[in-house]
Amino acid sequence: MTYQRGDRIALVRTSDPRTDLQPGDHGTVRRFDASQSKLSVDWDSGPTLSMLLDEGDEVHLA
């Protein structure tokens, strides 16, 4: 899947044990690096956390 700046997404799951993000949280894509499968997101709840799509993080378009 390809993501564009400004796309709205929802979190399905994350492998980061230190985040307070929960499944269903929404955010806005800042940048997508397809070569690293890294999705930079501004989450509505405040944090800026990148999703590592090849390492267990999962989102879908909202």
C-alpha atoms as a PDB file:
ATOM      1  CA  MET A   1       0.000   0.000   0.000  1.00  0.00           C
ATOM      2  CA  THR A   2       1.141   3.539  -0.706  1.00  0.00           C
ATOM      3  CA  TYR A   3       0.308   6.437   1.595  1.00  0.00           C
ATOM      4  CA  GLN A   4       0.279  10.123   0.714  1.00  0.00           C
ATOM      5  CA  ARG A   5       0.894  13.158   2.897  1.00  0.00           C
ATOM      6  CA  GLY A   6      -2.442  14.172   4.408  1.00  0.00           C
ATOM      7  CA  ASP A   7      -4.040  10.697   4.275  1.00  0.00           C
ATOM      8  CA  ARG A   8      -6.097   9.886   7.344  1.00  0.00           C
ATOM      9  CA  ILE A   9      -5.319   6.554   8.962  1.00  0.00           C
ATOM     10  CA  ALA A  10      -6.450   4.450  11.911  1.00  0.00           C
ATOM     11  CA  LEU A  11      -4.193   2.295  14.047  1.00  0.00           C
ATOM     12  CA  VAL A  12      -4.827  -1.450  13.954  1.00  0.00           C
ATOM     13  CA  ARG A  13      -1.827  -2.436  16.114  1.00  0.00           C
ATOM     14  CA  THR A  14       1.683  -1.358  17.030  1.00  0.00           C
ATOM     15  CA  SER A  15       4.668  -3.316  18.270  1.00  0.00           C
ATOM     16  CA  ASP A  16       5.941  -0.358  20.341  1.00  0.00           C
ATOM     17  CA  PRO A  17       5.460  -1.248  24.033  1.00  0.00           C
ATOM     18  CA  ARG A  18       6.157   2.346  25.166  1.00  0.00           C
ATOM     19  CA  THR A  19       3.323   4.109  23.361  1.00  0.00           C
ATOM     20  CA  ASP A  20      -0.079   5.056  24.751  1.00  0.00           C
ATOM     21  CA  LEU A  21      -1.653   4.719  21.298  1.00  0.00           C
ATOM     22  CA  GLN A  22      -4.558   2.285  21.155  1.00  0.00           C
ATOM     23  CA  PRO A  23      -6.171   0.406  18.266  1.00  0.00           C
ATOM     24  CA  GLY A  24      -8.661   2.719  16.587  1.00  0.00           C
ATOM     25  CA  ASP A  25      -6.661   5.907  17.227  1.00  0.00           C
ATOM     26  CA  HIS A  26      -6.569   8.190  14.180  1.00  0.00           C
ATOM     27  CA  GLY A  27      -3.822  10.290  12.665  1.00  0.00           C
ATOM     28  CA  THR A  28      -2.612  12.137   9.589  1.00  0.00           C
ATOM     29  CA  VAL A  29       0.264  10.924   7.424  1.00  0.00           C
ATOM     30  CA  ARG A  30       3.239  13.300   7.352  1.00  0.00           C
ATOM     31  CA  ARG A  31       5.511  11.149   5.179  1.00  0.00           C
ATOM     32  CA  PHE A  32       5.780   7.639   3.779  1.00  0.00           C
ATOM     33  CA  ASP A  33       9.179   6.090   3.025  1.00  0.00           C
ATOM     34  CA  ALA A  34       8.361   3.061   0.878  1.00  0.00           C
ATOM     35  CA  SER A  35      11.970   1.846   0.810  1.00  0.00           C
ATOM     36  CA  GLN A  36      11.867   1.376   4.607  1.00  0.00           C
ATOM     37  CA  SER A  37       8.102   0.823   4.949  1.00  0.00           C
ATOM     38  CA  LYS A  38       8.151   3.679   7.468  1.00  0.00           C
ATOM     39  CA  LEU A  39       5.057   5.813   7.919  1.00  0.00           C
ATOM     40  CA  SER A  40       5.454   9.086   9.843  1.00  0.00           C
ATOM     41  CA  VAL A  41       2.172  10.064  11.501  1.00  0.00           C
ATOM     42  CA  ASP A  42       0.814  13.002  13.492  1.00  0.00           C
ATOM     43  CA  TRP A  43      -1.638  11.255  15.820  1.00  0.00           C
ATOM     44  CA  ASP A  44      -4.785  13.115  16.860  1.00  0.00           C
ATOM     45  CA  SER A  45      -4.078  12.287  20.517  1.00  0.00           C
ATOM     46  CA  GLY A  46      -0.850  14.291  20.385  1.00  0.00           C
ATOM     47  CA  PRO A  47       2.175  12.087  19.796  1.00  0.00           C
ATOM     48  CA  THR A  48       4.189  11.906  16.618  1.00  0.00           C
ATOM     49  CA  LEU A  49       5.084   8.261  16.150  1.00  0.00           C
ATOM     50  CA  SER A  50       6.326   6.489  13.062  1.00  0.00           C
ATOM     51  CA  MET A  51       4.810   3.163  12.104  1.00  0.00           C
ATOM     52  CA  LEU A  52       7.268   0.477  10.990  1.00  0.00           C
ATOM     53  CA  LEU A  53       5.048  -1.521   8.679  1.00  0.00           C
ATOM     54  CA  ASP A  54       7.568  -4.337   8.153  1.00  0.00           C
ATOM     55  CA  GLU A  55       8.065  -4.769  11.897  1.00  0.00           C
ATOM     56  CA  GLY A  56       4.534  -5.505  13.083  1.00  0.00           C
ATOM     57  CA  ASP A  57       2.839  -2.105  13.027  1.00  0.00           C
ATOM     58  CA  GLU A  58      -0.432  -2.019  11.116  1.00  0.00           C
ATOM     59  CA  VAL A  59      -2.754   0.804  10.031  1.00  0.00           C
ATOM     60  CA  HIS A  60      -5.545   1.272   7.527  1.00  0.00           C
ATOM     61  CA  LEU A  61      -6.976   4.256   5.702  1.00  0.00           C
ATOM     62  CA  ALA A  62      -9.728   5.913   7.689  1.00  0.00           C
END
